[in-house]
Amino acid sequence: MSENRQYFSKTNDELPSNEKIIYGKINEISFKFKTDNGVFSKDFLDFASKLLLEKMDFDSILDGAILDVGCGYGPIGIYASYITKKAVVMLDINPRAISLSKENLRLNNVEATVLESDCLDNVLDKKFACVITNPPIHAGKNVIYRIYEQSYEVLIPGGALWIVIQEKHGAPSTIKFLKTIFPTVEVFYKKKGFYILKCIK
């Protein structure tokens, strides 16, 4: 299994463990995260997630819970909980990511619910005001598009899906596909080939 594929795997907890603490600033707020082998961006807070969190409009989120899809070790959900004080649910298929996210919530003194889930399968009976994802590109287009379709299902009317994606990883084709699902798809921000997309139900 390639390293990229390990991030989207139910068996990555079988990899040798090498836990470490990393530090990152998001909008000048300091966070610390425990990371390990087999999770995305284990050595530093990745540029795309940081850009998404610093640029997206948290004030526009409607009343209701926030869903972080593909949470990894937790920076998106943790920041969303810290900033909004709303209920946050964090999902990942990766058992090691689930364990790290729970630990990182404690390390940063914030609260959220962390669930193991293949895409959004385990929350399709719930509703959310906002879904946020730095999608697992290397899991393949079928997985990514399923995340987008299921996000539409769980959003309340007027709710928004926020995505960060690189142009070279298929931003133009992603936008085209999203327009078949969502009535409103906006390129909210763009920098260095990274697109932040806001899709409103």
N, C-alpha and C. Protein backbone atom coordinates (compact mmCIF):
# COMPACT_ATOMS: atom_id res chain seq x y z
N MET A 1 0.85 -1.21 0.00
CA MET A 1 0.00 0.00 0.00
C MET A 1 0.88 1.25 0.00
N SER A 2 0.62 2.19 -0.89
CA SER A 2 1.40 3.42 -0.91
C SER A 2 1.11 4.24 0.33
N GLU A 3 2.06 5.15 0.66
CA GLU A 3 1.86 5.98 1.84
C GLU A 3 0.59 6.80 1.72
N ASN A 4 0.32 7.35 0.51
CA ASN A 4 -0.88 8.16 0.33
C ASN A 4 -2.15 7.35 0.58
N ARG A 5 -2.15 6.07 0.15
CA ARG A 5 -3.33 5.24 0.35
C ARG A 5 -3.52 4.88 1.81
N GLN A 6 -2.45 4.88 2.60
CA GLN A 6 -2.55 4.51 4.01
C GLN A 6 -3.49 5.43 4.77
N TYR A 7 -3.57 6.70 4.35
CA TYR A 7 -4.37 7.66 5.09
C TYR A 7 -5.85 7.28 5.05
N PHE A 8 -6.28 6.66 3.96
CA PHE A 8 -7.68 6.29 3.80
C PHE A 8 -7.79 4.78 3.89
N SER A 9 -7.49 4.24 5.07
CA SER A 9 -7.42 2.80 5.25
C SER A 9 -7.90 2.41 6.63
N LYS A 10 -8.62 1.30 6.69
CA LYS A 10 -9.07 0.77 7.99
C LYS A 10 -7.97 -0.01 8.70
N THR A 11 -6.86 -0.29 8.01
CA THR A 11 -5.83 -1.15 8.57
C THR A 11 -4.54 -0.41 8.88
N ASN A 12 -4.57 0.91 8.83
CA ASN A 12 -3.30 1.62 9.02
C ASN A 12 -2.81 1.57 10.46
N ASP A 13 -3.67 1.15 11.40
CA ASP A 13 -3.23 1.02 12.78
C ASP A 13 -2.26 -0.15 12.95
N GLU A 14 -2.08 -0.94 11.90
CA GLU A 14 -1.10 -2.02 11.94
C GLU A 14 0.31 -1.53 11.65
N LEU A 15 0.45 -0.28 11.19
CA LEU A 15 1.77 0.29 10.92
C LEU A 15 2.52 0.53 12.22
N PRO A 16 3.86 0.44 12.20
CA PRO A 16 4.63 0.78 13.39
C PRO A 16 4.31 2.21 13.83
N SER A 17 4.17 2.41 15.13
CA SER A 17 3.83 3.72 15.66
C SER A 17 5.09 4.55 15.90
N ASN A 18 4.98 5.83 15.62
CA ASN A 18 6.07 6.78 15.90
C ASN A 18 5.44 8.12 16.22
N GLU A 19 4.81 8.21 17.38
CA GLU A 19 4.06 9.41 17.75
C GLU A 19 4.98 10.60 17.98
N LYS A 20 4.47 11.77 17.63
CA LYS A 20 5.21 13.01 17.88
C LYS A 20 4.20 14.12 18.11
N ILE A 21 4.63 15.20 18.70
CA ILE A 21 3.81 16.40 18.88
C ILE A 21 4.30 17.46 17.89
N ILE A 22 3.36 18.02 17.14
CA ILE A 22 3.69 19.13 16.25
C ILE A 22 2.87 20.35 16.69
N TYR A 23 3.32 21.51 16.27
CA TYR A 23 2.66 22.75 16.65
C TYR A 23 2.29 23.52 15.39
N GLY A 24 1.16 24.21 15.44
CA GLY A 24 0.73 25.00 14.30
C GLY A 24 -0.08 26.21 14.74
N LYS A 25 -0.02 27.27 13.94
CA LYS A 25 -0.82 28.46 14.21
C LYS A 25 -1.85 28.63 13.11
N ILE A 26 -3.09 28.87 13.50
CA ILE A 26 -4.17 29.15 12.58
C ILE A 26 -4.77 30.49 12.99
N ASN A 27 -4.69 31.47 12.11
CA ASN A 27 -5.12 32.83 12.47
C ASN A 27 -4.49 33.29 13.78
N GLU A 28 -3.21 33.01 13.91
CA GLU A 28 -2.39 33.42 15.07
C GLU A 28 -2.81 32.74 16.38
N ILE A 29 -3.64 31.74 16.30
CA ILE A 29 -3.99 30.94 17.48
C ILE A 29 -3.15 29.67 17.45
N SER A 30 -2.47 29.37 18.55
CA SER A 30 -1.56 28.24 18.60
C SER A 30 -2.29 26.96 19.00
N PHE A 31 -1.98 25.88 18.28
CA PHE A 31 -2.53 24.56 18.58
C PHE A 31 -1.38 23.56 18.60
N LYS A 32 -1.61 22.46 19.33
CA LYS A 32 -0.63 21.37 19.29
C LYS A 32 -1.38 20.08 18.96
N PHE A 33 -0.71 19.23 18.19
CA PHE A 33 -1.35 18.01 17.71
C PHE A 33 -0.39 16.83 17.86
N LYS A 34 -0.92 15.74 18.39
CA LYS A 34 -0.17 14.48 18.37
C LYS A 34 -0.42 13.81 17.02
N THR A 35 0.65 13.40 16.34
CA THR A 35 0.53 12.74 15.05
C THR A 35 1.28 11.40 15.10
N ASP A 36 1.19 10.65 14.01
CA ASP A 36 1.81 9.32 13.98
C ASP A 36 1.95 8.88 12.53
N ASN A 37 2.68 7.80 12.33
CA ASN A 37 2.75 7.19 11.01
C ASN A 37 1.34 6.82 10.53
N GLY A 38 1.11 6.94 9.22
CA GLY A 38 -0.16 6.51 8.66
C GLY A 38 -1.26 7.53 8.68
N VAL A 39 -0.95 8.77 9.10
CA VAL A 39 -1.94 9.84 9.01
C VAL A 39 -1.38 10.96 8.13
N PHE A 40 -2.27 11.67 7.48
CA PHE A 40 -1.89 12.71 6.53
C PHE A 40 -1.16 13.85 7.22
N SER A 41 -0.08 14.32 6.62
CA SER A 41 0.68 15.48 7.07
C SER A 41 1.11 15.34 8.53
N LYS A 42 1.82 14.25 8.81
CA LYS A 42 2.19 13.93 10.18
C LYS A 42 3.28 14.86 10.74
N ASP A 43 4.02 15.56 9.86
CA ASP A 43 5.16 16.36 10.32
C ASP A 43 4.86 17.84 10.49
N PHE A 44 3.74 18.30 9.92
CA PHE A 44 3.40 19.72 10.02
C PHE A 44 1.94 19.90 9.61
N LEU A 45 1.33 20.98 10.07
CA LEU A 45 -0.04 21.32 9.66
C LEU A 45 -0.01 21.68 8.19
N ASP A 46 -0.76 20.94 7.36
CA ASP A 46 -0.65 21.10 5.92
C ASP A 46 -1.21 22.45 5.45
N PHE A 47 -0.62 22.95 4.37
CA PHE A 47 -0.95 24.28 3.83
C PHE A 47 -2.43 24.39 3.48
N ALA A 48 -2.99 23.35 2.84
CA ALA A 48 -4.37 23.43 2.36
C ALA A 48 -5.37 23.56 3.50
N SER A 49 -5.21 22.73 4.54
CA SER A 49 -6.13 22.80 5.67
C SER A 49 -6.01 24.14 6.38
N LYS A 50 -4.78 24.60 6.55
CA LYS A 50 -4.56 25.90 7.21
C LYS A 50 -5.19 27.02 6.39
N LEU A 51 -5.01 27.00 5.08
CA LEU A 51 -5.60 28.02 4.21
C LEU A 51 -7.12 28.00 4.31
N LEU A 52 -7.70 26.83 4.27
CA LEU A 52 -9.16 26.70 4.37
C LEU A 52 -9.67 27.31 5.66
N LEU A 53 -9.04 26.97 6.77
CA LEU A 53 -9.50 27.44 8.07
C LEU A 53 -9.31 28.95 8.23
N GLU A 54 -8.25 29.47 7.63
CA GLU A 54 -7.98 30.91 7.78
C GLU A 54 -8.86 31.76 6.87
N LYS A 55 -9.37 31.18 5.78
CA LYS A 55 -10.11 31.99 4.81
C LYS A 55 -11.62 31.75 4.82
N MET A 56 -12.09 30.58 5.26
CA MET A 56 -13.52 30.33 5.18
C MET A 56 -14.28 31.21 6.16
N ASP A 57 -15.54 31.46 5.85
CA ASP A 57 -16.37 32.40 6.61
C ASP A 57 -17.16 31.64 7.67
N PHE A 58 -16.58 31.50 8.85
CA PHE A 58 -17.27 30.79 9.93
C PHE A 58 -18.50 31.54 10.42
N ASP A 59 -18.49 32.87 10.26
CA ASP A 59 -19.65 33.66 10.71
C ASP A 59 -20.89 33.39 9.88
N SER A 60 -20.72 32.83 8.67
CA SER A 60 -21.87 32.58 7.79
C SER A 60 -22.56 31.24 8.08
N ILE A 61 -21.99 30.44 8.99
CA ILE A 61 -22.56 29.13 9.25
C ILE A 61 -23.91 29.27 9.96
N LEU A 62 -24.91 28.60 9.46
CA LEU A 62 -26.25 28.64 10.06
C LEU A 62 -26.25 27.92 11.40
N ASP A 63 -27.36 28.07 12.14
CA ASP A 63 -27.50 27.35 13.40
C ASP A 63 -27.53 25.85 13.13
N GLY A 64 -26.74 25.11 13.87
CA GLY A 64 -26.68 23.67 13.68
C GLY A 64 -25.26 23.17 13.83
N ALA A 65 -25.09 21.88 13.73
CA ALA A 65 -23.79 21.25 13.95
C ALA A 65 -22.90 21.35 12.71
N ILE A 66 -21.61 21.18 12.93
CA ILE A 66 -20.59 21.20 11.88
C ILE A 66 -20.02 19.79 11.74
N LEU A 67 -19.80 19.38 10.50
CA LEU A 67 -19.24 18.05 10.22
C LEU A 67 -17.89 18.20 9.52
N ASP A 68 -16.87 17.56 10.08
CA ASP A 68 -15.53 17.51 9.50
C ASP A 68 -15.33 16.12 8.92
N VAL A 69 -15.22 16.03 7.59
CA VAL A 69 -15.12 14.74 6.91
C VAL A 69 -13.67 14.47 6.51
N GLY A 70 -13.14 13.31 6.94
CA GLY A 70 -11.74 12.98 6.71
C GLY A 70 -10.87 13.78 7.66
N CYS A 71 -11.17 13.67 8.95
CA CYS A 71 -10.59 14.58 9.94
C CYS A 71 -9.10 14.37 10.18
N GLY A 72 -8.55 13.19 9.82
CA GLY A 72 -7.15 12.96 10.13
C GLY A 72 -6.90 13.05 11.62
N TYR A 73 -5.84 13.74 12.02
CA TYR A 73 -5.58 13.89 13.45
C TYR A 73 -6.33 15.08 14.06
N GLY A 74 -7.16 15.77 13.25
CA GLY A 74 -8.16 16.64 13.84
C GLY A 74 -8.09 18.14 13.70
N PRO A 75 -7.16 18.73 12.94
CA PRO A 75 -7.05 20.19 12.99
C PRO A 75 -8.29 20.95 12.55
N ILE A 76 -9.01 20.47 11.53
CA ILE A 76 -10.17 21.20 11.04
C ILE A 76 -11.29 21.20 12.08
N GLY A 77 -11.64 20.03 12.57
CA GLY A 77 -12.71 19.95 13.56
C GLY A 77 -12.36 20.66 14.86
N ILE A 78 -11.11 20.54 15.27
CA ILE A 78 -10.67 21.19 16.51
C ILE A 78 -10.76 22.71 16.38
N TYR A 79 -10.29 23.24 15.25
CA TYR A 79 -10.37 24.69 15.06
C TYR A 79 -11.82 25.14 14.96
N ALA A 80 -12.64 24.39 14.24
CA ALA A 80 -14.06 24.76 14.10
C ALA A 80 -14.76 24.79 15.45
N SER A 81 -14.46 23.82 16.30
CA SER A 81 -15.06 23.79 17.63
C SER A 81 -14.57 24.97 18.47
N TYR A 82 -13.27 25.25 18.40
CA TYR A 82 -12.68 26.33 19.18
C TYR A 82 -13.27 27.68 18.79
N ILE A 83 -13.42 27.90 17.48
CA ILE A 83 -13.86 29.21 16.98
C ILE A 83 -15.36 29.43 17.14
N THR A 84 -16.15 28.40 16.83
CA THR A 84 -17.60 28.59 16.75
C THR A 84 -18.34 28.22 18.03
N LYS A 85 -17.75 27.34 18.84
CA LYS A 85 -18.41 26.79 20.04
C LYS A 85 -19.68 26.00 19.68
N LYS A 86 -19.80 25.63 18.41
CA LYS A 86 -20.93 24.81 17.97
C LYS A 86 -20.61 23.33 18.19
N ALA A 87 -21.63 22.49 18.10
CA ALA A 87 -21.42 21.05 18.12
C ALA A 87 -20.67 20.65 16.85
N VAL A 88 -19.63 19.84 17.01
CA VAL A 88 -18.82 19.40 15.88
C VAL A 88 -18.73 17.88 15.90
N VAL A 89 -18.90 17.28 14.72
CA VAL A 89 -18.70 15.85 14.54
C VAL A 89 -17.55 15.66 13.56
N MET A 90 -16.61 14.77 13.91
CA MET A 90 -15.43 14.52 13.09
C MET A 90 -15.44 13.07 12.65
N LEU A 91 -15.22 12.85 11.34
CA LEU A 91 -15.27 11.50 10.77
C LEU A 91 -13.96 11.13 10.10
N ASP A 92 -13.59 9.85 10.23
CA ASP A 92 -12.49 9.30 9.44
C ASP A 92 -12.64 7.79 9.38
N ILE A 93 -12.14 7.19 8.31
CA ILE A 93 -12.16 5.74 8.17
C ILE A 93 -10.95 5.10 8.87
N ASN A 94 -9.97 5.92 9.19
CA ASN A 94 -8.65 5.51 9.65
C ASN A 94 -8.63 5.39 11.18
N PRO A 95 -8.49 4.18 11.74
CA PRO A 95 -8.55 4.00 13.20
C PRO A 95 -7.51 4.82 13.96
N ARG A 96 -6.32 4.93 13.40
CA ARG A 96 -5.29 5.70 14.09
C ARG A 96 -5.65 7.17 14.11
N ALA A 97 -6.23 7.67 13.02
CA ALA A 97 -6.67 9.07 12.98
C ALA A 97 -7.75 9.32 14.03
N ILE A 98 -8.67 8.38 14.18
CA ILE A 98 -9.73 8.53 15.18
C ILE A 98 -9.14 8.66 16.58
N SER A 99 -8.20 7.79 16.91
CA SER A 99 -7.56 7.82 18.22
C SER A 99 -6.80 9.12 18.44
N LEU A 100 -6.07 9.57 17.43
CA LEU A 100 -5.31 10.82 17.54
C LEU A 100 -6.23 12.02 17.68
N SER A 101 -7.32 12.03 16.94
CA SER A 101 -8.27 13.15 17.04
C SER A 101 -8.83 13.28 18.45
N LYS A 102 -9.18 12.15 19.03
CA LYS A 102 -9.70 12.19 20.41
C LYS A 102 -8.66 12.73 21.37
N GLU A 103 -7.41 12.31 21.21
CA GLU A 103 -6.33 12.80 22.06
C GLU A 103 -6.09 14.29 21.83
N ASN A 104 -6.17 14.73 20.58
CA ASN A 104 -5.89 16.14 20.27
C ASN A 104 -7.01 17.07 20.73
N LEU A 105 -8.23 16.57 20.79
CA LEU A 105 -9.30 17.36 21.42
C LEU A 105 -8.95 17.65 22.87
N ARG A 106 -8.45 16.65 23.58
CA ARG A 106 -8.05 16.85 24.98
C ARG A 106 -6.86 17.80 25.08
N LEU A 107 -5.89 17.63 24.19
CA LEU A 107 -4.69 18.48 24.24
C LEU A 107 -5.03 19.95 24.02
N ASN A 108 -6.08 20.22 23.24
CA ASN A 108 -6.44 21.60 22.92
C ASN A 108 -7.67 22.10 23.67
N ASN A 109 -8.16 21.28 24.61
CA ASN A 109 -9.26 21.68 25.49
C ASN A 109 -10.51 22.10 24.73
N VAL A 110 -10.85 21.34 23.70
CA VAL A 110 -12.10 21.57 22.98
C VAL A 110 -12.89 20.27 22.91
N GLU A 111 -14.17 20.39 22.57
CA GLU A 111 -15.05 19.22 22.55
C GLU A 111 -15.58 18.97 21.15
N ALA A 112 -15.69 17.71 20.80
CA ALA A 112 -16.32 17.28 19.55
C ALA A 112 -16.59 15.79 19.66
N THR A 113 -17.42 15.28 18.78
CA THR A 113 -17.69 13.85 18.69
C THR A 113 -16.88 13.29 17.53
N VAL A 114 -16.12 12.23 17.78
CA VAL A 114 -15.27 11.63 16.75
C VAL A 114 -15.79 10.23 16.44
N LEU A 115 -16.07 9.97 15.17
CA LEU A 115 -16.66 8.69 14.76
C LEU A 115 -15.87 8.08 13.61
N GLU A 116 -15.73 6.75 13.64
CA GLU A 116 -15.17 6.05 12.50
C GLU A 116 -16.27 5.88 11.46
N SER A 117 -15.98 6.23 10.21
CA SER A 117 -17.00 6.17 9.18
C SER A 117 -16.36 6.10 7.81
N ASP A 118 -16.92 5.28 6.95
CA ASP A 118 -16.55 5.23 5.55
C ASP A 118 -17.33 6.34 4.85
N CYS A 119 -16.61 7.38 4.40
CA CYS A 119 -17.27 8.60 3.92
C CYS A 119 -18.23 9.09 5.01
N LEU A 120 -19.51 9.35 4.68
CA LEU A 120 -20.45 9.86 5.68
C LEU A 120 -21.46 8.79 6.10
N ASP A 121 -21.13 7.53 5.83
CA ASP A 121 -22.11 6.45 6.03
C ASP A 121 -22.73 6.44 7.42
N ASN A 122 -21.95 6.76 8.45
CA ASN A 122 -22.44 6.63 9.83
C ASN A 122 -23.20 7.86 10.34
N VAL A 123 -23.38 8.88 9.49
CA VAL A 123 -24.13 10.06 9.93
C VAL A 123 -25.23 10.44 8.94
N LEU A 124 -25.59 9.54 8.06
CA LEU A 124 -26.60 9.87 7.05
C LEU A 124 -27.98 10.10 7.66
N ASP A 125 -28.17 9.71 8.92
CA ASP A 125 -29.44 9.95 9.60
C ASP A 125 -29.44 11.26 10.37
N LYS A 126 -28.37 12.06 10.23
CA LYS A 126 -28.26 13.33 10.96
C LYS A 126 -28.25 14.51 9.99
N LYS A 127 -28.40 15.71 10.53
CA LYS A 127 -28.38 16.92 9.72
C LYS A 127 -27.34 17.90 10.26
N PHE A 128 -26.73 18.63 9.33
CA PHE A 128 -25.66 19.56 9.68
C PHE A 128 -25.85 20.90 8.98
N ALA A 129 -25.39 21.96 9.65
CA ALA A 129 -25.43 23.30 9.04
C ALA A 129 -24.26 23.51 8.11
N CYS A 130 -23.18 22.76 8.32
CA CYS A 130 -21.95 22.97 7.58
C CYS A 130 -21.16 21.67 7.51
N VAL A 131 -20.61 21.38 6.35
CA VAL A 131 -19.67 20.27 6.18
C VAL A 131 -18.37 20.86 5.67
N ILE A 132 -17.25 20.45 6.28
CA ILE A 132 -15.92 20.95 5.90
C ILE A 132 -15.05 19.75 5.55
N THR A 133 -14.31 19.84 4.44
CA THR A 133 -13.42 18.74 4.09
C THR A 133 -12.21 19.20 3.29
N ASN A 134 -11.08 18.66 3.66
CA ASN A 134 -9.89 18.63 2.80
C ASN A 134 -9.88 17.20 2.29
N PRO A 135 -10.50 16.93 1.15
CA PRO A 135 -10.85 15.56 0.78
C PRO A 135 -9.63 14.66 0.54
N PRO A 136 -9.78 13.37 0.81
CA PRO A 136 -8.68 12.41 0.63
C PRO A 136 -8.48 12.09 -0.84
N ILE A 137 -7.81 12.96 -1.55
CA ILE A 137 -7.67 12.89 -3.01
C ILE A 137 -7.18 11.51 -3.47
N HIS A 138 -6.21 10.97 -2.75
CA HIS A 138 -5.60 9.72 -3.20
C HIS A 138 -6.49 8.50 -2.96
N ALA A 139 -7.63 8.70 -2.33
CA ALA A 139 -8.59 7.60 -2.20
C ALA A 139 -9.32 7.35 -3.51
N GLY A 140 -9.25 8.33 -4.43
CA GLY A 140 -9.87 8.16 -5.74
C GLY A 140 -11.13 8.98 -5.93
N LYS A 141 -11.44 9.24 -7.19
CA LYS A 141 -12.57 10.10 -7.53
C LYS A 141 -13.90 9.54 -7.04
N ASN A 142 -14.07 8.23 -7.07
CA ASN A 142 -15.34 7.64 -6.63
C ASN A 142 -15.61 7.95 -5.16
N VAL A 143 -14.57 7.89 -4.36
CA VAL A 143 -14.71 8.19 -2.93
C VAL A 143 -15.00 9.68 -2.73
N ILE A 144 -14.22 10.52 -3.40
CA ILE A 144 -14.39 11.97 -3.25
C ILE A 144 -15.79 12.40 -3.66
N TYR A 145 -16.25 11.93 -4.80
CA TYR A 145 -17.57 12.32 -5.28
C TYR A 145 -18.67 11.79 -4.36
N ARG A 146 -18.44 10.62 -3.78
CA ARG A 146 -19.41 10.10 -2.80
C ARG A 146 -19.51 11.00 -1.58
N ILE A 147 -18.36 11.52 -1.14
CA ILE A 147 -18.36 12.47 -0.03
C ILE A 147 -19.19 13.71 -0.39
N TYR A 148 -19.03 14.22 -1.60
CA TYR A 148 -19.78 15.41 -2.02
C TYR A 148 -21.28 15.12 -2.06
N GLU A 149 -21.65 13.98 -2.62
CA GLU A 149 -23.07 13.62 -2.72
C GLU A 149 -23.69 13.41 -1.34
N GLN A 150 -22.97 12.73 -0.47
CA GLN A 150 -23.50 12.50 0.87
C GLN A 150 -23.54 13.79 1.69
N SER A 151 -22.62 14.70 1.43
CA SER A 151 -22.65 15.99 2.12
C SER A 151 -23.93 16.74 1.80
N TYR A 152 -24.33 16.72 0.54
CA TYR A 152 -25.59 17.36 0.16
C TYR A 152 -26.75 16.74 0.93
N GLU A 153 -26.74 15.42 1.08
CA GLU A 153 -27.83 14.72 1.77
C GLU A 153 -27.97 15.17 3.22
N VAL A 154 -26.84 15.38 3.92
CA VAL A 154 -26.92 15.65 5.36
C VAL A 154 -27.04 17.14 5.67
N LEU A 155 -26.86 18.01 4.70
CA LEU A 155 -26.95 19.45 4.96
C LEU A 155 -28.40 19.89 5.09
N ILE A 156 -28.63 20.85 5.98
CA ILE A 156 -29.93 21.49 6.07
C ILE A 156 -30.07 22.46 4.90
N PRO A 157 -31.30 22.85 4.51
CA PRO A 157 -31.47 23.84 3.45
C PRO A 157 -30.69 25.12 3.79
N GLY A 158 -29.92 25.61 2.85
CA GLY A 158 -29.09 26.78 3.10
C GLY A 158 -27.74 26.47 3.71
N GLY A 159 -27.56 25.22 4.11
CA GLY A 159 -26.27 24.81 4.66
C GLY A 159 -25.21 24.76 3.58
N ALA A 160 -23.92 24.75 4.01
CA ALA A 160 -22.83 24.85 3.04
C ALA A 160 -21.79 23.76 3.22
N LEU A 161 -21.30 23.28 2.10
CA LEU A 161 -20.14 22.40 2.04
C LEU A 161 -18.94 23.25 1.66
N TRP A 162 -17.90 23.21 2.49
CA TRP A 162 -16.65 23.92 2.22
C TRP A 162 -15.57 22.90 1.89
N ILE A 163 -14.85 23.14 0.80
CA ILE A 163 -13.83 22.22 0.31
C ILE A 163 -12.57 23.00 -0.03
N VAL A 164 -11.42 22.40 0.25
CA VAL A 164 -10.16 22.92 -0.29
C VAL A 164 -9.58 21.85 -1.20
N ILE A 165 -9.17 22.26 -2.39
CA ILE A 165 -8.64 21.31 -3.37
C ILE A 165 -7.67 22.02 -4.31
N GLN A 166 -6.62 21.33 -4.70
CA GLN A 166 -5.65 21.90 -5.64
C GLN A 166 -6.14 21.79 -7.08
N GLU A 167 -5.73 22.76 -7.87
CA GLU A 167 -6.07 22.72 -9.30
C GLU A 167 -5.54 21.45 -9.94
N LYS A 168 -4.30 21.06 -9.60
CA LYS A 168 -3.69 19.88 -10.22
C LYS A 168 -4.33 18.57 -9.74
N HIS A 169 -5.09 18.64 -8.65
CA HIS A 169 -5.79 17.46 -8.14
C HIS A 169 -7.25 17.42 -8.59
N GLY A 170 -7.59 18.27 -9.56
CA GLY A 170 -8.91 18.16 -10.16
C GLY A 170 -9.92 19.19 -9.74
N ALA A 171 -9.46 20.38 -9.34
CA ALA A 171 -10.41 21.42 -8.95
C ALA A 171 -11.42 21.74 -10.05
N PRO A 172 -11.01 21.93 -11.31
CA PRO A 172 -12.00 22.25 -12.34
C PRO A 172 -13.05 21.16 -12.53
N SER A 173 -12.64 19.89 -12.56
CA SER A 173 -13.62 18.81 -12.72
C SER A 173 -14.48 18.65 -11.48
N THR A 174 -13.91 18.93 -10.30
CA THR A 174 -14.69 18.91 -9.06
C THR A 174 -15.79 19.96 -9.10
N ILE A 175 -15.44 21.16 -9.54
CA ILE A 175 -16.43 22.24 -9.63
C ILE A 175 -17.56 21.84 -10.59
N LYS A 176 -17.19 21.27 -11.72
CA LYS A 176 -18.19 20.83 -12.69
C LYS A 176 -19.13 19.79 -12.09
N PHE A 177 -18.56 18.83 -11.34
CA PHE A 177 -19.40 17.81 -10.71
C PHE A 177 -20.28 18.41 -9.62
N LEU A 178 -19.72 19.27 -8.80
CA LEU A 178 -20.49 19.88 -7.70
C LEU A 178 -21.69 20.65 -8.22
N LYS A 179 -21.56 21.25 -9.41
CA LYS A 179 -22.67 22.03 -9.98
C LYS A 179 -23.83 21.13 -10.42
N THR A 180 -23.58 19.82 -10.51
CA THR A 180 -24.68 18.89 -10.79
C THR A 180 -25.45 18.52 -9.53
N ILE A 181 -24.91 18.89 -8.37
CA ILE A 181 -25.53 18.54 -7.09
C ILE A 181 -26.08 19.78 -6.38
N PHE A 182 -25.25 20.81 -6.29
CA PHE A 182 -25.59 22.00 -5.50
C PHE A 182 -26.09 23.13 -6.40
N PRO A 183 -27.12 23.86 -5.97
CA PRO A 183 -27.60 24.99 -6.77
C PRO A 183 -26.62 26.15 -6.82
N THR A 184 -25.77 26.27 -5.79
CA THR A 184 -24.79 27.35 -5.75
C THR A 184 -23.41 26.77 -5.45
N VAL A 185 -22.47 26.99 -6.36
CA VAL A 185 -21.07 26.58 -6.17
C VAL A 185 -20.20 27.80 -6.45
N GLU A 186 -19.45 28.21 -5.45
CA GLU A 186 -18.66 29.45 -5.53
C GLU A 186 -17.19 29.15 -5.27
N VAL A 187 -16.30 29.71 -6.11
CA VAL A 187 -14.87 29.72 -5.78
C VAL A 187 -14.69 30.87 -4.79
N PHE A 188 -14.65 30.53 -3.52
CA PHE A 188 -14.64 31.54 -2.47
C PHE A 188 -13.28 32.23 -2.35
N TYR A 189 -12.22 31.45 -2.60
CA TYR A 189 -10.86 31.99 -2.48
C TYR A 189 -9.93 31.10 -3.29
N LYS A 190 -8.85 31.70 -3.79
CA LYS A 190 -7.89 30.94 -4.58
C LYS A 190 -6.50 31.48 -4.33
N LYS A 191 -5.55 30.56 -4.09
CA LYS A 191 -4.17 30.97 -3.84
C LYS A 191 -3.23 29.83 -4.19
N LYS A 192 -2.19 30.12 -4.97
CA LYS A 192 -1.14 29.16 -5.30
C LYS A 192 -1.70 27.84 -5.83
N GLY A 193 -2.74 27.93 -6.63
CA GLY A 193 -3.33 26.73 -7.20
C GLY A 193 -4.30 26.00 -6.29
N PHE A 194 -4.53 26.51 -5.09
CA PHE A 194 -5.50 25.92 -4.16
C PHE A 194 -6.82 26.69 -4.26
N TYR A 195 -7.90 25.95 -4.39
CA TYR A 195 -9.23 26.54 -4.45
C TYR A 195 -9.97 26.25 -3.14
N ILE A 196 -10.61 27.25 -2.61
CA ILE A 196 -11.58 27.05 -1.53
C ILE A 196 -12.96 27.22 -2.14
N LEU A 197 -13.74 26.16 -2.07
CA LEU A 197 -15.07 26.15 -2.67
C LEU A 197 -16.14 26.18 -1.61
N LYS A 198 -17.18 26.96 -1.86
CA LYS A 198 -18.34 27.02 -0.99
C LYS A 198 -19.57 26.60 -1.81
N CYS A 199 -20.22 25.54 -1.37
CA CYS A 199 -21.36 24.97 -2.09
C CYS A 199 -22.58 25.05 -1.16
N ILE A 200 -23.60 25.76 -1.59
CA ILE A 200 -24.77 25.98 -0.74
C ILE A 200 -25.95 25.15 -1.22
N LYS A 201 -26.57 24.46 -0.29
CA LYS A 201 -27.75 23.63 -0.60
C LYS A 201 -28.98 24.49 -0.75
